[in-house]
Amino acid sequence: PAVALYESAGMRAVGVRPGYYAET
């Protein structure tokens, strides 16, 4: 749902940040 929200606002995926979420 969040990805869809951002895409509807004109955002697009440009890459991946490995291990960004430290808790998981």
mmCIF file of all heavy atoms, coordinates in Angstrom:
data_MODEL
# 
_entry.id   MODEL 
# 
loop_
_atom_site.group_PDB 
_atom_site.id 
_atom_site.type_symbol 
_atom_site.label_atom_id 
_atom_site.label_alt_id 
_atom_site.label_comp_id 
_atom_site.label_asym_id 
_atom_site.label_entity_id 
_atom_site.label_seq_id 
_atom_site.pdbx_PDB_ins_code 
_atom_site.Cartn_x 
_atom_site.Cartn_y 
_atom_site.Cartn_z 
_atom_site.occupancy 
_atom_site.B_iso_or_equiv 
_atom_site.pdbx_formal_charge 
_atom_site.auth_seq_id 
_atom_site.auth_comp_id 
_atom_site.auth_asym_id 
_atom_site.auth_atom_id 
_atom_site.pdbx_PDB_model_num 
ATOM 1   N N   . PRO A 1 1  ? 0.813  -1.220 0.000   1.00 0.00 ? 1  PRO A N   1 
ATOM 2   C CA  . PRO A 1 1  ? 0.000  0.000  0.000   1.00 0.00 ? 1  PRO A CA  1 
ATOM 3   C C   . PRO A 1 1  ? 0.850  1.277  0.000   1.00 0.00 ? 1  PRO A C   1 
ATOM 4   O O   . PRO A 1 1  ? 0.515  2.249  -0.683  1.00 0.00 ? 1  PRO A O   1 
ATOM 5   C CB  . PRO A 1 1  ? -0.809 -0.117 1.297   1.00 0.00 ? 1  PRO A CB  1 
ATOM 6   C CG  . PRO A 1 1  ? -0.878 -1.584 1.558   1.00 0.00 ? 1  PRO A CG  1 
ATOM 7   C CD  . PRO A 1 1  ? 0.449  -2.111 1.113   1.00 0.00 ? 1  PRO A CD  1 
ATOM 8   N N   . ALA A 1 2  ? 1.963  1.260  0.770   1.00 0.00 ? 2  ALA A N   1 
ATOM 9   C CA  . ALA A 1 2  ? 2.820  2.443  0.815   1.00 0.00 ? 2  ALA A CA  1 
ATOM 10  C C   . ALA A 1 2  ? 3.509  2.666  -0.529  1.00 0.00 ? 2  ALA A C   1 
ATOM 11  O O   . ALA A 1 2  ? 3.580  3.800  -1.025  1.00 0.00 ? 2  ALA A O   1 
ATOM 12  C CB  . ALA A 1 2  ? 3.859  2.304  1.912   1.00 0.00 ? 2  ALA A CB  1 
ATOM 13  N N   . VAL A 1 3  ? 4.003  1.584  -1.125  1.00 0.00 ? 3  VAL A N   1 
ATOM 14  C CA  . VAL A 1 3  ? 4.653  1.700  -2.426  1.00 0.00 ? 3  VAL A CA  1 
ATOM 15  C C   . VAL A 1 3  ? 3.672  2.255  -3.453  1.00 0.00 ? 3  VAL A C   1 
ATOM 16  O O   . VAL A 1 3  ? 4.009  3.136  -4.258  1.00 0.00 ? 3  VAL A O   1 
ATOM 17  C CB  . VAL A 1 3  ? 5.208  0.340  -2.887  1.00 0.00 ? 3  VAL A CB  1 
ATOM 18  C CG1 . VAL A 1 3  ? 5.726  0.426  -4.326  1.00 0.00 ? 3  VAL A CG1 1 
ATOM 19  C CG2 . VAL A 1 3  ? 6.327  -0.134 -1.959  1.00 0.00 ? 3  VAL A CG2 1 
ATOM 20  N N   . ALA A 1 4  ? 2.433  1.770  -3.418  1.00 0.00 ? 4  ALA A N   1 
ATOM 21  C CA  . ALA A 1 4  ? 1.418  2.246  -4.363  1.00 0.00 ? 4  ALA A CA  1 
ATOM 22  C C   . ALA A 1 4  ? 1.115  3.735  -4.144  1.00 0.00 ? 4  ALA A C   1 
ATOM 23  O O   . ALA A 1 4  ? 0.920  4.489  -5.105  1.00 0.00 ? 4  ALA A O   1 
ATOM 24  C CB  . ALA A 1 4  ? 0.143  1.429  -4.215  1.00 0.00 ? 4  ALA A CB  1 
ATOM 25  N N   . LEU A 1 5  ? 1.066  4.144  -2.864  1.00 0.00 ? 5  LEU A N   1 
ATOM 26  C CA  . LEU A 1 5  ? 0.828  5.559  -2.553  1.00 0.00 ? 5  LEU A CA  1 
ATOM 27  C C   . LEU A 1 5  ? 1.925  6.417  -3.139  1.00 0.00 ? 5  LEU A C   1 
ATOM 28  O O   . LEU A 1 5  ? 1.655  7.448  -3.787  1.00 0.00 ? 5  LEU A O   1 
ATOM 29  C CB  . LEU A 1 5  ? 0.758  5.746  -1.041  1.00 0.00 ? 5  LEU A CB  1 
ATOM 30  C CG  . LEU A 1 5  ? 0.732  7.195  -0.533  1.00 0.00 ? 5  LEU A CG  1 
ATOM 31  C CD1 . LEU A 1 5  ? -0.545 7.895  -1.001  1.00 0.00 ? 5  LEU A CD1 1 
ATOM 32  C CD2 . LEU A 1 5  ? 0.833  7.233  0.984   1.00 0.00 ? 5  LEU A CD2 1 
ATOM 33  N N   . TYR A 1 6  ? 3.174  6.024  -2.948  1.00 0.00 ? 6  TYR A N   1 
ATOM 34  C CA  . TYR A 1 6  ? 4.290  6.822  -3.441  1.00 0.00 ? 6  TYR A CA  1 
ATOM 35  C C   . TYR A 1 6  ? 4.320  6.834  -4.970  1.00 0.00 ? 6  TYR A C   1 
ATOM 36  O O   . TYR A 1 6  ? 4.616  7.857  -5.582  1.00 0.00 ? 6  TYR A O   1 
ATOM 37  C CB  . TYR A 1 6  ? 5.608  6.287  -2.881  1.00 0.00 ? 6  TYR A CB  1 
ATOM 38  C CG  . TYR A 1 6  ? 5.676  6.313  -1.371  1.00 0.00 ? 6  TYR A CG  1 
ATOM 39  C CD1 . TYR A 1 6  ? 6.267  5.275  -0.651  1.00 0.00 ? 6  TYR A CD1 1 
ATOM 40  C CD2 . TYR A 1 6  ? 5.132  7.385  -0.661  1.00 0.00 ? 6  TYR A CD2 1 
ATOM 41  C CE1 . TYR A 1 6  ? 6.321  5.305  0.734   1.00 0.00 ? 6  TYR A CE1 1 
ATOM 42  C CE2 . TYR A 1 6  ? 5.177  7.420  0.715   1.00 0.00 ? 6  TYR A CE2 1 
ATOM 43  C CZ  . TYR A 1 6  ? 5.759  6.383  1.418   1.00 0.00 ? 6  TYR A CZ  1 
ATOM 44  O OH  . TYR A 1 6  ? 5.804  6.416  2.790   1.00 0.00 ? 6  TYR A OH  1 
ATOM 45  N N   . GLU A 1 7  ? 4.011  5.707  -5.572  1.00 0.00 ? 7  GLU A N   1 
ATOM 46  C CA  . GLU A 1 7  ? 3.980  5.660  -7.037  1.00 0.00 ? 7  GLU A CA  1 
ATOM 47  C C   . GLU A 1 7  ? 2.898  6.578  -7.591  1.00 0.00 ? 7  GLU A C   1 
ATOM 48  O O   . GLU A 1 7  ? 3.086  7.224  -8.627  1.00 0.00 ? 7  GLU A O   1 
ATOM 49  C CB  . GLU A 1 7  ? 3.754  4.221  -7.511  1.00 0.00 ? 7  GLU A CB  1 
ATOM 50  C CG  . GLU A 1 7  ? 4.965  3.316  -7.320  1.00 0.00 ? 7  GLU A CG  1 
ATOM 51  C CD  . GLU A 1 7  ? 4.713  1.886  -7.745  1.00 0.00 ? 7  GLU A CD  1 
ATOM 52  O OE1 . GLU A 1 7  ? 3.526  1.484  -7.830  1.00 0.00 ? 7  GLU A OE1 1 
ATOM 53  O OE2 . GLU A 1 7  ? 5.694  1.156  -7.977  1.00 0.00 ? 7  GLU A OE2 1 
ATOM 54  N N   . SER A 1 8  ? 1.763  6.653  -6.889  1.00 0.00 ? 8  SER A N   1 
ATOM 55  C CA  . SER A 1 8  ? 0.685  7.537  -7.348  1.00 0.00 ? 8  SER A CA  1 
ATOM 56  C C   . SER A 1 8  ? 1.085  9.001  -7.263  1.00 0.00 ? 8  SER A C   1 
ATOM 57  O O   . SER A 1 8  ? 0.493  9.852  -7.929  1.00 0.00 ? 8  SER A O   1 
ATOM 58  C CB  . SER A 1 8  ? -0.584 7.302  -6.513  1.00 0.00 ? 8  SER A CB  1 
ATOM 59  O OG  . SER A 1 8  ? -0.429 7.816  -5.189  1.00 0.00 ? 8  SER A OG  1 
ATOM 60  N N   . ALA A 1 9  ? 2.088  9.292  -6.422  1.00 0.00 ? 9  ALA A N   1 
ATOM 61  C CA  . ALA A 1 9  ? 2.585  10.663 -6.281  1.00 0.00 ? 9  ALA A CA  1 
ATOM 62  C C   . ALA A 1 9  ? 3.757  10.939 -7.212  1.00 0.00 ? 9  ALA A C   1 
ATOM 63  O O   . ALA A 1 9  ? 4.399  11.983 -7.118  1.00 0.00 ? 9  ALA A O   1 
ATOM 64  C CB  . ALA A 1 9  ? 3.005  10.916 -4.841  1.00 0.00 ? 9  ALA A CB  1 
ATOM 65  N N   . GLY A 1 10 ? 4.055  10.000 -8.111  1.00 0.00 ? 10 GLY A N   1 
ATOM 66  C CA  . GLY A 1 10 ? 5.113  10.201 -9.089  1.00 0.00 ? 10 GLY A CA  1 
ATOM 67  C C   . GLY A 1 10 ? 6.464  9.665  -8.683  1.00 0.00 ? 10 GLY A C   1 
ATOM 68  O O   . GLY A 1 10 ? 7.453  9.903  -9.388  1.00 0.00 ? 10 GLY A O   1 
ATOM 69  N N   . MET A 1 11 ? 6.554  8.945  -7.566  1.00 0.00 ? 11 MET A N   1 
ATOM 70  C CA  . MET A 1 11 ? 7.826  8.376  -7.140  1.00 0.00 ? 11 MET A CA  1 
ATOM 71  C C   . MET A 1 11 ? 8.089  7.064  -7.887  1.00 0.00 ? 11 MET A C   1 
ATOM 72  O O   . MET A 1 11 ? 7.151  6.325  -8.231  1.00 0.00 ? 11 MET A O   1 
ATOM 73  C CB  . MET A 1 11 ? 7.801  8.109  -5.630  1.00 0.00 ? 11 MET A CB  1 
ATOM 74  C CG  . MET A 1 11 ? 7.370  9.292  -4.783  1.00 0.00 ? 11 MET A CG  1 
ATOM 75  S SD  . MET A 1 11 ? 8.522  10.678 -4.825  1.00 0.00 ? 11 MET A SD  1 
ATOM 76  C CE  . MET A 1 11 ? 9.894  10.003 -3.899  1.00 0.00 ? 11 MET A CE  1 
ATOM 77  N N   . ARG A 1 12 ? 9.355  6.741  -8.091  1.00 0.00 ? 12 ARG A N   1 
ATOM 78  C CA  . ARG A 1 12 ? 9.707  5.479  -8.749  1.00 0.00 ? 12 ARG A CA  1 
ATOM 79  C C   . ARG A 1 12 ? 10.918 4.857  -8.058  1.00 0.00 ? 12 ARG A C   1 
ATOM 80  O O   . ARG A 1 12 ? 11.758 5.557  -7.494  1.00 0.00 ? 12 ARG A O   1 
ATOM 81  C CB  . ARG A 1 12 ? 10.010 5.689  -10.235 1.00 0.00 ? 12 ARG A CB  1 
ATOM 82  C CG  . ARG A 1 12 ? 11.152 6.645  -10.507 1.00 0.00 ? 12 ARG A CG  1 
ATOM 83  C CD  . ARG A 1 12 ? 11.283 6.917  -12.000 1.00 0.00 ? 12 ARG A CD  1 
ATOM 84  N NE  . ARG A 1 12 ? 12.334 7.878  -12.281 1.00 0.00 ? 12 ARG A NE  1 
ATOM 85  C CZ  . ARG A 1 12 ? 13.622 7.579  -12.420 1.00 0.00 ? 12 ARG A CZ  1 
ATOM 86  N NH1 . ARG A 1 12 ? 14.030 6.312  -12.291 1.00 0.00 ? 12 ARG A NH1 1 
ATOM 87  N NH2 . ARG A 1 12 ? 14.514 8.518  -12.687 1.00 0.00 ? 12 ARG A NH2 1 
ATOM 88  N N   . ALA A 1 13 ? 10.982 3.543  -8.099  1.00 0.00 ? 13 ALA A N   1 
ATOM 89  C CA  . ALA A 1 13 ? 12.083 2.821  -7.455  1.00 0.00 ? 13 ALA A CA  1 
ATOM 90  C C   . ALA A 1 13 ? 13.368 3.032  -8.240  1.00 0.00 ? 13 ALA A C   1 
ATOM 91  O O   . ALA A 1 13 ? 13.383 2.925  -9.466  1.00 0.00 ? 13 ALA A O   1 
ATOM 92  C CB  . ALA A 1 13 ? 11.758 1.337  -7.382  1.00 0.00 ? 13 ALA A CB  1 
ATOM 93  N N   . VAL A 1 14 ? 14.450 3.337  -7.509  1.00 0.00 ? 14 VAL A N   1 
ATOM 94  C CA  . VAL A 1 14 ? 15.737 3.566  -8.167  1.00 0.00 ? 14 VAL A CA  1 
ATOM 95  C C   . VAL A 1 14 ? 16.846 2.679  -7.607  1.00 0.00 ? 14 VAL A C   1 
ATOM 96  O O   . VAL A 1 14 ? 17.969 2.712  -8.093  1.00 0.00 ? 14 VAL A O   1 
ATOM 97  C CB  . VAL A 1 14 ? 16.156 5.043  -8.043  1.00 0.00 ? 14 VAL A CB  1 
ATOM 98  C CG1 . VAL A 1 14 ? 15.210 5.938  -8.815  1.00 0.00 ? 14 VAL A CG1 1 
ATOM 99  C CG2 . VAL A 1 14 ? 16.253 5.474  -6.588  1.00 0.00 ? 14 VAL A CG2 1 
ATOM 100 N N   . GLY A 1 15 ? 16.542 1.869  -6.595  1.00 0.00 ? 15 GLY A N   1 
ATOM 101 C CA  . GLY A 1 15 ? 17.571 1.017  -6.028  1.00 0.00 ? 15 GLY A CA  1 
ATOM 102 C C   . GLY A 1 15 ? 17.149 0.399  -4.709  1.00 0.00 ? 15 GLY A C   1 
ATOM 103 O O   . GLY A 1 15 ? 16.012 0.557  -4.263  1.00 0.00 ? 15 GLY A O   1 
ATOM 104 N N   . VAL A 1 16 ? 18.101 -0.280 -4.079  1.00 0.00 ? 16 VAL A N   1 
ATOM 105 C CA  . VAL A 1 16 ? 17.853 -0.959 -2.809  1.00 0.00 ? 16 VAL A CA  1 
ATOM 106 C C   . VAL A 1 16 ? 18.948 -0.574 -1.824  1.00 0.00 ? 16 VAL A C   1 
ATOM 107 O O   . VAL A 1 16 ? 20.125 -0.467 -2.203  1.00 0.00 ? 16 VAL A O   1 
ATOM 108 C CB  . VAL A 1 16 ? 17.820 -2.492 -2.999  1.00 0.00 ? 16 VAL A CB  1 
ATOM 109 C CG1 . VAL A 1 16 ? 17.765 -3.207 -1.653  1.00 0.00 ? 16 VAL A CG1 1 
ATOM 110 C CG2 . VAL A 1 16 ? 16.639 -2.900 -3.858  1.00 0.00 ? 16 VAL A CG2 1 
ATOM 111 N N   . ARG A 1 17 ? 18.558 -0.353 -0.573  1.00 0.00 ? 17 ARG A N   1 
ATOM 112 C CA  . ARG A 1 17 ? 19.526 -0.067 0.479   1.00 0.00 ? 17 ARG A CA  1 
ATOM 113 C C   . ARG A 1 17 ? 19.594 -1.303 1.381   1.00 0.00 ? 17 ARG A C   1 
ATOM 114 O O   . ARG A 1 17 ? 18.693 -1.539 2.185   1.00 0.00 ? 17 ARG A O   1 
ATOM 115 C CB  . ARG A 1 17 ? 19.097 1.171  1.260   1.00 0.00 ? 17 ARG A CB  1 
ATOM 116 C CG  . ARG A 1 17 ? 20.133 1.665  2.242   1.00 0.00 ? 17 ARG A CG  1 
ATOM 117 C CD  . ARG A 1 17 ? 19.937 3.127  2.552   1.00 0.00 ? 17 ARG A CD  1 
ATOM 118 N NE  . ARG A 1 17 ? 20.209 3.960  1.380   1.00 0.00 ? 17 ARG A NE  1 
ATOM 119 C CZ  . ARG A 1 17 ? 19.798 5.210  1.220   1.00 0.00 ? 17 ARG A CZ  1 
ATOM 120 N NH1 . ARG A 1 17 ? 19.092 5.788  2.158   1.00 0.00 ? 17 ARG A NH1 1 
ATOM 121 N NH2 . ARG A 1 17 ? 20.089 5.894  0.139   1.00 0.00 ? 17 ARG A NH2 1 
ATOM 122 N N   . PRO A 1 18 ? 20.653 -2.116 1.274   1.00 0.00 ? 18 PRO A N   1 
ATOM 123 C CA  . PRO A 1 18 ? 20.735 -3.391 2.022   1.00 0.00 ? 18 PRO A CA  1 
ATOM 124 C C   . PRO A 1 18 ? 20.723 -3.193 3.533   1.00 0.00 ? 18 PRO A C   1 
ATOM 125 O O   . PRO A 1 18 ? 21.389 -2.304 4.070   1.00 0.00 ? 18 PRO A O   1 
ATOM 126 C CB  . PRO A 1 18 ? 22.067 -3.977 1.560   1.00 0.00 ? 18 PRO A CB  1 
ATOM 127 C CG  . PRO A 1 18 ? 22.361 -3.311 0.249   1.00 0.00 ? 18 PRO A CG  1 
ATOM 128 C CD  . PRO A 1 18 ? 21.798 -1.932 0.383   1.00 0.00 ? 18 PRO A CD  1 
ATOM 129 N N   . GLY A 1 19 ? 19.955 -4.021 4.231   1.00 0.00 ? 19 GLY A N   1 
ATOM 130 C CA  . GLY A 1 19 ? 19.932 -4.043 5.685   1.00 0.00 ? 19 GLY A CA  1 
ATOM 131 C C   . GLY A 1 19 ? 19.507 -2.739 6.328   1.00 0.00 ? 19 GLY A C   1 
ATOM 132 O O   . GLY A 1 19 ? 19.883 -2.454 7.461   1.00 0.00 ? 19 GLY A O   1 
ATOM 133 N N   . TYR A 1 20 ? 18.700 -1.952 5.647   1.00 0.00 ? 20 TYR A N   1 
ATOM 134 C CA  . TYR A 1 20 ? 18.330 -0.622 6.144   1.00 0.00 ? 20 TYR A CA  1 
ATOM 135 C C   . TYR A 1 20 ? 17.549 -0.699 7.445   1.00 0.00 ? 20 TYR A C   1 
ATOM 136 O O   . TYR A 1 20 ? 17.748 0.110  8.347   1.00 0.00 ? 20 TYR A O   1 
ATOM 137 C CB  . TYR A 1 20 ? 17.524 0.112  5.073   1.00 0.00 ? 20 TYR A CB  1 
ATOM 138 C CG  . TYR A 1 20 ? 17.065 1.493  5.476   1.00 0.00 ? 20 TYR A CG  1 
ATOM 139 C CD1 . TYR A 1 20 ? 17.927 2.582  5.427   1.00 0.00 ? 20 TYR A CD1 1 
ATOM 140 C CD2 . TYR A 1 20 ? 15.759 1.704  5.909   1.00 0.00 ? 20 TYR A CD2 1 
ATOM 141 C CE1 . TYR A 1 20 ? 17.511 3.849  5.796   1.00 0.00 ? 20 TYR A CE1 1 
ATOM 142 C CE2 . TYR A 1 20 ? 15.324 2.971  6.284   1.00 0.00 ? 20 TYR A CE2 1 
ATOM 143 C CZ  . TYR A 1 20 ? 16.209 4.033  6.227   1.00 0.00 ? 20 TYR A CZ  1 
ATOM 144 O OH  . TYR A 1 20 ? 15.773 5.284  6.598   1.00 0.00 ? 20 TYR A OH  1 
ATOM 145 N N   . TYR A 1 21 ? 16.637 -1.664 7.537   1.00 0.00 ? 21 TYR A N   1 
ATOM 146 C CA  . TYR A 1 21 ? 15.801 -1.793 8.738   1.00 0.00 ? 21 TYR A CA  1 
ATOM 147 C C   . TYR A 1 21 ? 16.524 -2.685 9.748   1.00 0.00 ? 21 TYR A C   1 
ATOM 148 O O   . TYR A 1 21 ? 16.472 -3.913 9.679   1.00 0.00 ? 21 TYR A O   1 
ATOM 149 C CB  . TYR A 1 21 ? 14.428 -2.351 8.380   1.00 0.00 ? 21 TYR A CB  1 
ATOM 150 C CG  . TYR A 1 21 ? 13.652 -1.412 7.474   1.00 0.00 ? 21 TYR A CG  1 
ATOM 151 C CD1 . TYR A 1 21 ? 13.563 -1.650 6.106   1.00 0.00 ? 21 TYR A CD1 1 
ATOM 152 C CD2 . TYR A 1 21 ? 13.043 -0.279 7.993   1.00 0.00 ? 21 TYR A CD2 1 
ATOM 153 C CE1 . TYR A 1 21 ? 12.874 -0.780 5.277   1.00 0.00 ? 21 TYR A CE1 1 
ATOM 154 C CE2 . TYR A 1 21 ? 12.350 0.605  7.168   1.00 0.00 ? 21 TYR A CE2 1 
ATOM 155 C CZ  . TYR A 1 21 ? 12.271 0.348  5.814   1.00 0.00 ? 21 TYR A CZ  1 
ATOM 156 O OH  . TYR A 1 21 ? 11.591 1.211  4.993   1.00 0.00 ? 21 TYR A OH  1 
ATOM 157 N N   . ALA A 1 22 ? 17.204 -2.023 10.689  1.00 0.00 ? 22 ALA A N   1 
ATOM 158 C CA  . ALA A 1 22 ? 18.084 -2.732 11.615  1.00 0.00 ? 22 ALA A CA  1 
ATOM 159 C C   . ALA A 1 22 ? 17.336 -3.744 12.469  1.00 0.00 ? 22 ALA A C   1 
ATOM 160 O O   . ALA A 1 22 ? 17.879 -4.807 12.817  1.00 0.00 ? 22 ALA A O   1 
ATOM 161 C CB  . ALA A 1 22 ? 18.802 -1.730 12.517  1.00 0.00 ? 22 ALA A CB  1 
ATOM 162 N N   . GLU A 1 23 ? 16.081 -3.450 12.819  1.00 0.00 ? 23 GLU A N   1 
ATOM 163 C CA  . GLU A 1 23 ? 15.348 -4.343 13.713  1.00 0.00 ? 23 GLU A CA  1 
ATOM 164 C C   . GLU A 1 23 ? 15.010 -5.678 13.072  1.00 0.00 ? 23 GLU A C   1 
ATOM 165 O O   . GLU A 1 23 ? 14.841 -6.689 13.749  1.00 0.00 ? 23 GLU A O   1 
ATOM 166 C CB  . GLU A 1 23 ? 14.067 -3.650 14.212  1.00 0.00 ? 23 GLU A CB  1 
ATOM 167 C CG  . GLU A 1 23 ? 13.013 -3.360 13.149  1.00 0.00 ? 23 GLU A CG  1 
ATOM 168 C CD  . GLU A 1 23 ? 13.255 -2.074 12.379  1.00 0.00 ? 23 GLU A CD  1 
ATOM 169 O OE1 . GLU A 1 23 ? 14.357 -1.510 12.540  1.00 0.00 ? 23 GLU A OE1 1 
ATOM 170 O OE2 . GLU A 1 23 ? 12.365 -1.661 11.626  1.00 0.00 ? 23 GLU A OE2 1 
ATOM 171 N N   . THR A 1 24 ? 14.945 -5.713 11.713  1.00 0.00 ? 24 THR A N   1 
ATOM 172 C CA  . THR A 1 24 ? 14.615 -6.968 11.026  1.00 0.00 ? 24 THR A CA  1 
ATOM 173 C C   . THR A 1 24 ? 15.686 -7.393 10.029  1.00 0.00 ? 24 THR A C   1 
ATOM 174 O O   . THR A 1 24 ? 15.667 -8.520 9.548   1.00 0.00 ? 24 THR A O   1 
ATOM 175 C CB  . THR A 1 24 ? 13.287 -6.833 10.271  1.00 0.00 ? 24 THR A CB  1 
ATOM 176 O OG1 . THR A 1 24 ? 13.428 -5.807 9.264   1.00 0.00 ? 24 THR A OG1 1 
ATOM 177 C CG2 . THR A 1 24 ? 12.157 -6.471 11.226  1.00 0.00 ? 24 THR A CG2 1 
# 
